[in-house]
């Protein structure tokens, strides 16, 4: 389930690590894992049931939000959001290493 998609124009950040997610009653969350491939980045915020993942697309020197989801953002969902299949698979595999604690 996609919980946030581009609104009145995509939110863009420079650098990609500058993106934060609003958290009710707390300071905005910063990504605890970031992976990139082929002009796209996948960011992970939090762990367990509270985890969120965002995919961003590079546009020049800026990174623009494509979508944020609860839990893990699977490669097939990224493809449906416009990420090329090979890039989506690379992002998913790289992030999976963070999710499993093997990186």
PDB file of N, CA and C in Angstrom:
ATOM      1  N   UNK A   1       0.838  -1.167   0.000  1.00  0.00           N
ATOM      2  CA  UNK A   1       0.000   0.000   0.000  1.00  0.00           C
ATOM      3  C   UNK A   1       0.889   1.238   0.000  1.00  0.00           C
ATOM      4  N   UNK A   2       0.653   2.160  -0.900  1.00  0.00           N
ATOM      5  CA  UNK A   2       1.396   3.408  -0.979  1.00  0.00           C
ATOM      6  C   UNK A   2       0.718   4.402  -0.044  1.00  0.00           C
ATOM      7  N   UNK A   3       1.497   4.982   0.869  1.00  0.00           N
ATOM      8  CA  UNK A   3       0.911   5.922   1.820  1.00  0.00           C
ATOM      9  C   UNK A   3       1.157   7.374   1.452  1.00  0.00           C
ATOM     10  N   UNK A   4       2.078   7.631   0.543  1.00  0.00           N
ATOM     11  CA  UNK A   4       2.307   9.012   0.099  1.00  0.00           C
ATOM     12  C   UNK A   4       2.864   8.982  -1.309  1.00  0.00           C
ATOM     13  N   UNK A   5       2.308   9.765  -2.167  1.00  0.00           N
ATOM     14  CA  UNK A   5       2.792   9.883  -3.544  1.00  0.00           C
ATOM     15  C   UNK A   5       2.928  11.370  -3.821  1.00  0.00           C
ATOM     16  N   UNK A   6       3.608  11.696  -4.897  1.00  0.00           N
ATOM     17  CA  UNK A   6       3.826  13.095  -5.242  1.00  0.00           C
ATOM     18  C   UNK A   6       2.544  13.903  -5.087  1.00  0.00           C
ATOM     19  N   UNK A   7       2.677  15.080  -4.539  1.00  0.00           N
ATOM     20  CA  UNK A   7       1.559  15.973  -4.247  1.00  0.00           C
ATOM     21  C   UNK A   7       1.550  17.103  -5.256  1.00  0.00           C
ATOM     22  N   UNK A   8       1.565  18.324  -4.851  1.00  0.00           N
ATOM     23  CA  UNK A   8       1.537  19.481  -5.753  1.00  0.00           C
ATOM     24  C   UNK A   8       2.903  19.665  -6.393  1.00  0.00           C
ATOM     25  N   UNK A   9       3.457  18.613  -6.901  1.00  0.00           N
ATOM     26  CA  UNK A   9       4.814  18.623  -7.427  1.00  0.00           C
ATOM     27  C   UNK A   9       5.680  17.846  -6.462  1.00  0.00           C
ATOM     28  N   UNK A  10       6.656  17.113  -6.958  1.00  0.00           N
ATOM     29  CA  UNK A  10       7.452  16.272  -6.076  1.00  0.00           C
ATOM     30  C   UNK A  10       8.321  17.084  -5.126  1.00  0.00           C
ATOM     31  N   UNK A  11       8.454  16.575  -3.905  1.00  0.00           N
ATOM     32  CA  UNK A  11       9.376  17.171  -2.947  1.00  0.00           C
ATOM     33  C   UNK A  11      10.780  16.772  -3.375  1.00  0.00           C
ATOM     34  N   UNK A  12      11.666  17.746  -3.493  1.00  0.00           N
ATOM     35  CA  UNK A  12      13.032  17.460  -3.940  1.00  0.00           C
ATOM     36  C   UNK A  12      14.027  17.871  -2.866  1.00  0.00           C
ATOM     37  N   UNK A  13      15.131  17.139  -2.810  1.00  0.00           N
ATOM     38  CA  UNK A  13      16.137  17.330  -1.774  1.00  0.00           C
ATOM     39  C   UNK A  13      17.519  17.305  -2.399  1.00  0.00           C
ATOM     40  N   UNK A  14      18.424  18.071  -1.851  1.00  0.00           N
ATOM     41  CA  UNK A  14      19.822  18.018  -2.253  1.00  0.00           C
ATOM     42  C   UNK A  14      20.651  18.186  -0.992  1.00  0.00           C
ATOM     43  N   UNK A  15      21.320  17.190  -0.542  1.00  0.00           N
ATOM     44  CA  UNK A  15      21.486  15.838  -1.066  1.00  0.00           C
ATOM     45  C   UNK A  15      20.339  14.917  -0.641  1.00  0.00           C
ATOM     46  N   UNK A  16      20.388  13.669  -1.124  1.00  0.00           N
ATOM     47  CA  UNK A  16      19.321  12.708  -0.845  1.00  0.00           C
ATOM     48  C   UNK A  16      19.156  12.470   0.651  1.00  0.00           C
ATOM     49  N   UNK A  17      20.220  12.514   1.409  1.00  0.00           N
ATOM     50  CA  UNK A  17      20.158  12.287   2.848  1.00  0.00           C
ATOM     51  C   UNK A  17      19.466  13.391   3.622  1.00  0.00           C
ATOM     52  N   UNK A  18      19.126  14.492   2.947  1.00  0.00           N
ATOM     53  CA  UNK A  18      18.446  15.598   3.614  1.00  0.00           C
ATOM     54  C   UNK A  18      16.962  15.324   3.823  1.00  0.00           C
ATOM     55  N   UNK A  19      16.425  14.286   3.175  1.00  0.00           N
ATOM     56  CA  UNK A  19      15.002  13.987   3.311  1.00  0.00           C
ATOM     57  C   UNK A  19      14.683  13.529   4.726  1.00  0.00           C
ATOM     58  N   UNK A  20      13.582  14.014   5.267  1.00  0.00           N
ATOM     59  CA  UNK A  20      13.086  13.557   6.564  1.00  0.00           C
ATOM     60  C   UNK A  20      11.612  13.201   6.415  1.00  0.00           C
ATOM     61  N   UNK A  21      11.128  12.354   7.319  1.00  0.00           N
ATOM     62  CA  UNK A  21       9.709  12.018   7.357  1.00  0.00           C
ATOM     63  C   UNK A  21       9.115  12.610   8.624  1.00  0.00           C
ATOM     64  N   UNK A  22       7.936  13.239   8.526  1.00  0.00           N
ATOM     65  CA  UNK A  22       7.293  13.759   9.727  1.00  0.00           C
ATOM     66  C   UNK A  22       6.877  12.620  10.657  1.00  0.00           C
ATOM     67  N   UNK A  23       7.035  12.838  11.956  1.00  0.00           N
ATOM     68  CA  UNK A  23       6.650  11.853  12.971  1.00  0.00           C
ATOM     69  C   UNK A  23       5.778  12.572  13.984  1.00  0.00           C
ATOM     70  N   UNK A  24       4.581  12.067  14.205  1.00  0.00           N
ATOM     71  CA  UNK A  24       3.651  12.708  15.143  1.00  0.00           C
ATOM     72  C   UNK A  24       4.268  12.822  16.532  1.00  0.00           C
ATOM     73  N   UNK A  25       4.294  14.035  17.064  1.00  0.00           N
ATOM     74  CA  UNK A  25       4.779  14.270  18.418  1.00  0.00           C
ATOM     75  C   UNK A  25       6.273  14.122  18.602  1.00  0.00           C
ATOM     76  N   UNK A  26       7.036  14.098  17.521  1.00  0.00           N
ATOM     77  CA  UNK A  26       8.492  13.940  17.637  1.00  0.00           C
ATOM     78  C   UNK A  26       9.177  14.692  16.503  1.00  0.00           C
ATOM     79  N   UNK A  27      10.493  14.769  16.618  1.00  0.00           N
ATOM     80  CA  UNK A  27      11.281  15.402  15.554  1.00  0.00           C
ATOM     81  C   UNK A  27      11.173  14.555  14.289  1.00  0.00           C
ATOM     82  N   UNK A  28      11.266  15.169  13.102  1.00  0.00           N
ATOM     83  CA  UNK A  28      11.213  14.391  11.857  1.00  0.00           C
ATOM     84  C   UNK A  28      12.295  13.322  11.831  1.00  0.00           C
ATOM     85  N   UNK A  29      11.956  12.168  11.269  1.00  0.00           N
ATOM     86  CA  UNK A  29      12.894  11.047  11.203  1.00  0.00           C
ATOM     87  C   UNK A  29      13.833  11.193  10.012  1.00  0.00           C
ATOM     88  N   UNK A  30      15.091  10.866  10.238  1.00  0.00           N
ATOM     89  CA  UNK A  30      16.081  10.818   9.161  1.00  0.00           C
ATOM     90  C   UNK A  30      16.261   9.358   8.746  1.00  0.00           C
ATOM     91  N   UNK A  31      16.641   9.154   7.502  1.00  0.00           N
ATOM     92  CA  UNK A  31      16.841   7.801   6.984  1.00  0.00           C
ATOM     93  C   UNK A  31      17.971   7.114   7.737  1.00  0.00           C
ATOM     94  N   UNK A  32      17.742   5.856   8.112  1.00  0.00           N
ATOM     95  CA  UNK A  32      18.810   5.104   8.757  1.00  0.00           C
ATOM     96  C   UNK A  32      19.532   4.193   7.764  1.00  0.00           C
ATOM     97  N   UNK A  33      19.025   4.065   6.537  1.00  0.00           N
ATOM     98  CA  UNK A  33      19.698   3.313   5.473  1.00  0.00           C
ATOM     99  C   UNK A  33      19.383   3.988   4.139  1.00  0.00           C
ATOM    100  N   UNK A  34      20.411   4.129   3.297  1.00  0.00           N
ATOM    101  CA  UNK A  34      20.239   4.719   1.964  1.00  0.00           C
ATOM    102  C   UNK A  34      21.044   3.882   0.973  1.00  0.00           C
ATOM    103  N   UNK A  35      20.379   3.453  -0.109  1.00  0.00           N
ATOM    104  CA  UNK A  35      21.076   2.774  -1.198  1.00  0.00           C
ATOM    105  C   UNK A  35      20.691   3.474  -2.497  1.00  0.00           C
ATOM    106  N   UNK A  36      21.586   3.409  -3.486  1.00  0.00           N
ATOM    107  CA  UNK A  36      21.321   4.085  -4.762  1.00  0.00           C
ATOM    108  C   UNK A  36      21.777   3.213  -5.923  1.00  0.00           C
ATOM    109  N   UNK A  37      21.080   3.374  -7.047  1.00  0.00           N
ATOM    110  CA  UNK A  37      21.447   2.679  -8.288  1.00  0.00           C
ATOM    111  C   UNK A  37      20.704   3.345  -9.437  1.00  0.00           C
ATOM    112  N   UNK A  38      21.384   3.528 -10.564  1.00  0.00           N
ATOM    113  CA  UNK A  38      20.747   3.971 -11.797  1.00  0.00           C
ATOM    114  C   UNK A  38      19.920   5.235 -11.707  1.00  0.00           C
ATOM    115  N   UNK A  39      20.349   6.209 -10.910  1.00  0.00           N
ATOM    116  CA  UNK A  39      19.609   7.461 -10.810  1.00  0.00           C
ATOM    117  C   UNK A  39      18.416   7.416  -9.866  1.00  0.00           C
ATOM    118  N   UNK A  40      18.303   6.358  -9.054  1.00  0.00           N
ATOM    119  CA  UNK A  40      17.249   6.224  -8.053  1.00  0.00           C
ATOM    120  C   UNK A  40      17.883   5.908  -6.708  1.00  0.00           C
ATOM    121  N   UNK A  41      17.190   6.266  -5.642  1.00  0.00           N
ATOM    122  CA  UNK A  41      17.656   5.944  -4.294  1.00  0.00           C
ATOM    123  C   UNK A  41      16.489   5.367  -3.506  1.00  0.00           C
ATOM    124  N   UNK A  42      16.810   4.456  -2.602  1.00  0.00           N
ATOM    125  CA  UNK A  42      15.836   3.851  -1.708  1.00  0.00           C
ATOM    126  C   UNK A  42      16.283   4.167  -0.293  1.00  0.00           C
ATOM    127  N   UNK A  43      15.407   4.797   0.480  1.00  0.00           N
ATOM    128  CA  UNK A  43      15.710   5.200   1.848  1.00  0.00           C
ATOM    129  C   UNK A  43      14.828   4.432   2.808  1.00  0.00           C
ATOM    130  N   UNK A  44      15.384   4.023   3.935  1.00  0.00           N
ATOM    131  CA  UNK A  44      14.631   3.310   4.975  1.00  0.00           C
ATOM    132  C   UNK A  44      14.624   4.167   6.234  1.00  0.00           C
ATOM    133  N   UNK A  45      13.431   4.320   6.791  1.00  0.00           N
ATOM    134  CA  UNK A  45      13.225   5.080   8.026  1.00  0.00           C
ATOM    135  C   UNK A  45      12.660   4.133   9.069  1.00  0.00           C
ATOM    136  N   UNK A  46      13.337   3.984  10.212  1.00  0.00           N
ATOM    137  CA  UNK A  46      12.816   3.158  11.294  1.00  0.00           C
ATOM    138  C   UNK A  46      12.971   1.672  11.025  1.00  0.00           C
ATOM    139  N   UNK A  47      12.444   0.881  11.979  1.00  0.00           N
ATOM    140  CA  UNK A  47      12.547  -0.573  11.907  1.00  0.00           C
ATOM    141  C   UNK A  47      11.228  -1.205  12.326  1.00  0.00           C
ATOM    142  N   UNK A  48      11.084  -2.477  12.040  1.00  0.00           N
ATOM    143  CA  UNK A  48       9.910  -3.226  12.475  1.00  0.00           C
ATOM    144  C   UNK A  48       8.618  -2.661  11.913  1.00  0.00           C
ATOM    145  N   UNK A  49       7.572  -2.670  12.749  1.00  0.00           N
ATOM    146  CA  UNK A  49       6.256  -2.203  12.318  1.00  0.00           C
ATOM    147  C   UNK A  49       6.235  -0.722  11.958  1.00  0.00           C
ATOM    148  N   UNK A  50       7.165   0.052  12.500  1.00  0.00           N
ATOM    149  CA  UNK A  50       7.197   1.491  12.242  1.00  0.00           C
ATOM    150  C   UNK A  50       8.011   1.860  11.002  1.00  0.00           C
ATOM    151  N   UNK A  51       8.588   0.873  10.331  1.00  0.00           N
ATOM    152  CA  UNK A  51       9.468   1.148   9.194  1.00  0.00           C
ATOM    153  C   UNK A  51       8.698   1.742   8.019  1.00  0.00           C
ATOM    154  N   UNK A  52       9.367   2.636   7.312  1.00  0.00           N
ATOM    155  CA  UNK A  52       8.868   3.233   6.075  1.00  0.00           C
ATOM    156  C   UNK A  52      10.029   3.214   5.081  1.00  0.00           C
ATOM    157  N   UNK A  53       9.711   3.083   3.799  1.00  0.00           N
ATOM    158  CA  UNK A  53      10.732   3.199   2.767  1.00  0.00           C
ATOM    159  C   UNK A  53      10.249   4.169   1.707  1.00  0.00           C
ATOM    160  N   UNK A  54      11.188   4.968   1.203  1.00  0.00           N
ATOM    161  CA  UNK A  54      10.898   5.955   0.163  1.00  0.00           C
ATOM    162  C   UNK A  54      11.811   5.718  -1.018  1.00  0.00           C
ATOM    163  N   UNK A  55      11.273   5.886  -2.210  1.00  0.00           N
ATOM    164  CA  UNK A  55      12.084   5.835  -3.422  1.00  0.00           C
ATOM    165  C   UNK A  55      12.125   7.249  -3.995  1.00  0.00           C
ATOM    166  N   UNK A  56      13.330   7.666  -4.388  1.00  0.00           N
ATOM    167  CA  UNK A  56      13.539   8.990  -4.963  1.00  0.00           C
ATOM    168  C   UNK A  56      14.215   8.847  -6.321  1.00  0.00           C
ATOM    169  N   UNK A  57      13.966   9.796  -7.209  1.00  0.00           N
ATOM    170  CA  UNK A  57      14.573   9.820  -8.545  1.00  0.00           C
ATOM    171  C   UNK A  57      15.519  11.013  -8.623  1.00  0.00           C
ATOM    172  N   UNK A  58      16.696  10.800  -9.160  1.00  0.00           N
ATOM    173  CA  UNK A  58      17.654  11.895  -9.305  1.00  0.00           C
ATOM    174  C   UNK A  58      17.271  12.752 -10.501  1.00  0.00           C
ATOM    175  N   UNK A  59      17.224  14.058 -10.266  1.00  0.00           N
ATOM    176  CA  UNK A  59      16.944  15.039 -11.311  1.00  0.00           C
ATOM    177  C   UNK A  59      18.021  16.100 -11.196  1.00  0.00           C
ATOM    178  N   UNK A  60      19.035  16.007 -12.038  1.00  0.00           N
ATOM    179  CA  UNK A  60      20.174  16.916 -11.919  1.00  0.00           C
ATOM    180  C   UNK A  60      20.882  16.664 -10.595  1.00  0.00           C
ATOM    181  N   UNK A  61      21.081  17.729  -9.820  1.00  0.00           N
ATOM    182  CA  UNK A  61      21.759  17.607  -8.527  1.00  0.00           C
ATOM    183  C   UNK A  61      20.780  17.346  -7.388  1.00  0.00           C
ATOM    184  N   UNK A  62      19.500  17.198  -7.701  1.00  0.00           N
ATOM    185  CA  UNK A  62      18.478  17.021  -6.668  1.00  0.00           C
ATOM    186  C   UNK A  62      17.855  15.627  -6.761  1.00  0.00           C
ATOM    187  N   UNK A  63      17.264  15.208  -5.644  1.00  0.00           N
ATOM    188  CA  UNK A  63      16.570  13.923  -5.559  1.00  0.00           C
ATOM    189  C   UNK A  63      15.111  14.211  -5.245  1.00  0.00           C
ATOM    190  N   UNK A  64      14.197  13.724  -6.094  1.00  0.00           N
ATOM    191  CA  UNK A  64      12.773  14.020  -5.947  1.00  0.00           C
ATOM    192  C   UNK A  64      12.005  12.773  -5.517  1.00  0.00           C
ATOM    193  N   UNK A  65      11.134  12.961  -4.538  1.00  0.00           N
ATOM    194  CA  UNK A  65      10.341  11.871  -3.977  1.00  0.00           C
ATOM    195  C   UNK A  65       9.397  11.294  -5.017  1.00  0.00           C
ATOM    196  N   UNK A  66       9.426   9.972  -5.154  1.00  0.00           N
ATOM    197  CA  UNK A  66       8.486   9.256  -6.007  1.00  0.00           C
ATOM    198  C   UNK A  66       7.347   8.721  -5.139  1.00  0.00           C
ATOM    199  N   UNK A  67       7.685   8.021  -4.047  1.00  0.00           N
ATOM    200  CA  UNK A  67       6.664   7.459  -3.156  1.00  0.00           C
ATOM    201  C   UNK A  67       7.288   7.030  -1.839  1.00  0.00           C
ATOM    202  N   UNK A  68       6.441   6.931  -0.822  1.00  0.00           N
ATOM    203  CA  UNK A  68       6.806   6.393   0.487  1.00  0.00           C
ATOM    204  C   UNK A  68       5.771   5.340   0.838  1.00  0.00           C
ATOM    205  N   UNK A  69       6.237   4.199   1.363  1.00  0.00           N
ATOM    206  CA  UNK A  69       5.333   3.112   1.745  1.00  0.00           C
ATOM    207  C   UNK A  69       5.645   2.652   3.163  1.00  0.00           C
ATOM    208  N   UNK A  70       4.661   2.008   3.788  1.00  0.00           N
ATOM    209  CA  UNK A  70       4.893   1.331   5.070  1.00  0.00           C
ATOM    210  C   UNK A  70       5.608   0.033   4.779  1.00  0.00           C
ATOM    211  N   UNK A  71       6.576  -0.296   5.610  1.00  0.00           N
ATOM    212  CA  UNK A  71       7.299  -1.551   5.431  1.00  0.00           C
ATOM    213  C   UNK A  71       8.288  -1.463   4.291  1.00  0.00           C
ATOM    214  N   UNK A  72       8.574  -2.616   3.695  1.00  0.00           N
ATOM    215  CA  UNK A  72       9.566  -2.702   2.622  1.00  0.00           C
ATOM    216  C   UNK A  72       8.934  -2.382   1.279  1.00  0.00           C
ATOM    217  N   UNK A  73       9.675  -1.659   0.459  1.00  0.00           N
ATOM    218  CA  UNK A  73       9.229  -1.312  -0.895  1.00  0.00           C
ATOM    219  C   UNK A  73       9.790  -2.367  -1.847  1.00  0.00           C
ATOM    220  N   UNK A  74       8.941  -3.297  -2.263  1.00  0.00           N
ATOM    221  CA  UNK A  74       9.363  -4.407  -3.126  1.00  0.00           C
ATOM    222  C   UNK A  74       9.716  -3.909  -4.525  1.00  0.00           C
ATOM    223  N   UNK A  75      10.555  -4.680  -5.205  1.00  0.00           N
ATOM    224  CA  UNK A  75      10.996  -4.308  -6.550  1.00  0.00           C
ATOM    225  C   UNK A  75       9.820  -4.149  -7.503  1.00  0.00           C
ATOM    226  N   UNK A  76       8.814  -5.025  -7.431  1.00  0.00           N
ATOM    227  CA  UNK A  76       7.687  -4.917  -8.361  1.00  0.00           C
ATOM    228  C   UNK A  76       6.885  -3.638  -8.129  1.00  0.00           C
ATOM    229  N   UNK A  77       6.801  -3.176  -6.883  1.00  0.00           N
ATOM    230  CA  UNK A  77       6.118  -1.902  -6.602  1.00  0.00           C
ATOM    231  C   UNK A  77       6.912  -0.737  -7.187  1.00  0.00           C
ATOM    232  N   UNK A  78       8.248  -0.814  -7.068  1.00  0.00           N
ATOM    233  CA  UNK A  78       9.075   0.252  -7.639  1.00  0.00           C
ATOM    234  C   UNK A  78       8.892   0.321  -9.149  1.00  0.00           C
ATOM    235  N   UNK A  79       8.805  -0.836  -9.802  1.00  0.00           N
ATOM    236  CA  UNK A  79       8.602  -0.870 -11.255  1.00  0.00           C
ATOM    237  C   UNK A  79       7.267  -0.210 -11.597  1.00  0.00           C
ATOM    238  N   UNK A  80       6.215  -0.512 -10.832  1.00  0.00           N
ATOM    239  CA  UNK A  80       4.911   0.116 -11.084  1.00  0.00           C
ATOM    240  C   UNK A  80       4.958   1.628 -10.885  1.00  0.00           C
ATOM    241  N   UNK A  81       5.917   2.097 -10.083  1.00  0.00           N
ATOM    242  CA  UNK A  81       6.081   3.532  -9.850  1.00  0.00           C
ATOM    243  C   UNK A  81       6.987   4.193 -10.883  1.00  0.00           C
ATOM    244  N   UNK A  82       7.495   3.403 -11.849  1.00  0.00           N
ATOM    245  CA  UNK A  82       8.295   3.973 -12.923  1.00  0.00           C
ATOM    246  C   UNK A  82       9.782   3.705 -12.848  1.00  0.00           C
ATOM    247  N   UNK A  83      10.235   2.985 -11.837  1.00  0.00           N
ATOM    248  CA  UNK A  83      11.656   2.645 -11.729  1.00  0.00           C
ATOM    249  C   UNK A  83      11.939   1.509 -12.717  1.00  0.00           C
ATOM    250  N   UNK A  84      13.000   1.623 -13.533  1.00  0.00           N
ATOM    251  CA  UNK A  84      13.334   0.527 -14.446  1.00  0.00           C
ATOM    252  C   UNK A  84      13.536  -0.784 -13.669  1.00  0.00           C
ATOM    253  N   UNK A  85      13.102  -1.896 -14.243  1.00  0.00           N
ATOM    254  CA  UNK A  85      13.112  -3.183 -13.544  1.00  0.00           C
ATOM    255  C   UNK A  85      14.490  -3.558 -12.999  1.00  0.00           C
ATOM    256  N   UNK A  86      15.517  -3.412 -13.804  1.00  0.00           N
ATOM    257  CA  UNK A  86      16.873  -3.794 -13.353  1.00  0.00           C
ATOM    258  C   UNK A  86      17.325  -2.916 -12.178  1.00  0.00           C
ATOM    259  N   UNK A  87      17.025  -1.637 -12.246  1.00  0.00           N
ATOM    260  CA  UNK A  87      17.378  -0.717 -11.162  1.00  0.00           C
ATOM    261  C   UNK A  87      16.583  -1.053  -9.910  1.00  0.00           C
ATOM    262  N   UNK A  88      15.300  -1.335 -10.054  1.00  0.00           N
ATOM    263  CA  UNK A  88      14.463  -1.696  -8.905  1.00  0.00           C
ATOM    264  C   UNK A  88      15.006  -2.943  -8.217  1.00  0.00           C
ATOM    265  N   UNK A  89      15.412  -3.929  -8.993  1.00  0.00           N
ATOM    266  CA  UNK A  89      15.964  -5.162  -8.408  1.00  0.00           C
ATOM    267  C   UNK A  89      17.261  -4.878  -7.658  1.00  0.00           C
ATOM    268  N   UNK A  90      18.122  -4.034  -8.229  1.00  0.00           N
ATOM    269  CA  UNK A  90      19.378  -3.684  -7.541  1.00  0.00           C
ATOM    270  C   UNK A  90      19.097  -2.966  -6.225  1.00  0.00           C
ATOM    271  N   UNK A  91      18.184  -1.994  -6.263  1.00  0.00           N
ATOM    272  CA  UNK A  91      17.836  -1.265  -5.040  1.00  0.00           C
ATOM    273  C   UNK A  91      17.301  -2.214  -3.980  1.00  0.00           C
ATOM    274  N   UNK A  92      16.390  -3.094  -4.376  1.00  0.00           N
ATOM    275  CA  UNK A  92      15.791  -4.032  -3.430  1.00  0.00           C
ATOM    276  C   UNK A  92      16.859  -4.938  -2.815  1.00  0.00           C
ATOM    277  N   UNK A  93      17.747  -5.484  -3.660  1.00  0.00           N
ATOM    278  CA  UNK A  93      18.795  -6.388  -3.161  1.00  0.00           C
ATOM    279  C   UNK A  93      19.740  -5.671  -2.211  1.00  0.00           C
ATOM    280  N   UNK A  94      20.118  -4.440  -2.548  1.00  0.00           N
ATOM    281  CA  UNK A  94      21.026  -3.689  -1.667  1.00  0.00           C
ATOM    282  C   UNK A  94      20.349  -3.365  -0.336  1.00  0.00           C
ATOM    283  N   UNK A  95      19.084  -2.943  -0.367  1.00  0.00           N
ATOM    284  CA  UNK A  95      18.380  -2.618   0.870  1.00  0.00           C
ATOM    285  C   UNK A  95      18.124  -3.881   1.696  1.00  0.00           C
ATOM    286  N   UNK A  96      17.908  -4.993   1.045  1.00  0.00           N
ATOM    287  CA  UNK A  96      17.661  -6.250   1.757  1.00  0.00           C
ATOM    288  C   UNK A  96      18.829  -6.586   2.679  1.00  0.00           C
ATOM    289  N   UNK A  97      20.024  -6.234   2.284  1.00  0.00           N
ATOM    290  CA  UNK A  97      21.198  -6.464   3.145  1.00  0.00           C
ATOM    291  C   UNK A  97      21.097  -5.645   4.422  1.00  0.00           C
ATOM    292  N   UNK A  98      20.573  -4.418   4.347  1.00  0.00           N
ATOM    293  CA  UNK A  98      20.353  -3.610   5.549  1.00  0.00           C
ATOM    294  C   UNK A  98      19.229  -4.206   6.388  1.00  0.00           C
ATOM    295  N   UNK A  99      18.125  -4.598   5.726  1.00  0.00           N
ATOM    296  CA  UNK A  99      16.977  -5.144   6.443  1.00  0.00           C
ATOM    297  C   UNK A  99      17.354  -6.395   7.230  1.00  0.00           C
ATOM    298  N   UNK A 100      18.224  -7.209   6.657  1.00  0.00           N
ATOM    299  CA  UNK A 100      18.630  -8.461   7.294  1.00  0.00           C
ATOM    300  C   UNK A 100      19.842  -8.309   8.207  1.00  0.00           C
ATOM    301  N   UNK A 101      20.392  -7.101   8.281  1.00  0.00           N
ATOM    302  CA  UNK A 101      21.552  -6.861   9.141  1.00  0.00           C
ATOM    303  C   UNK A 101      22.828  -7.487   8.637  1.00  0.00           C
ATOM    304  N   UNK A 102      22.921  -7.727   7.323  1.00  0.00           N
ATOM    305  CA  UNK A 102      24.143  -8.338   6.769  1.00  0.00           C
ATOM    306  C   UNK A 102      25.073  -7.300   6.152  1.00  0.00           C
ATOM    307  N   UNK A 103      24.764  -6.019   6.332  1.00  0.00           N
ATOM    308  CA  UNK A 103      25.647  -4.973   5.808  1.00  0.00           C
ATOM    309  C   UNK A 103      25.989  -4.007   6.907  1.00  0.00           C
TER     310      UNK A 103
END
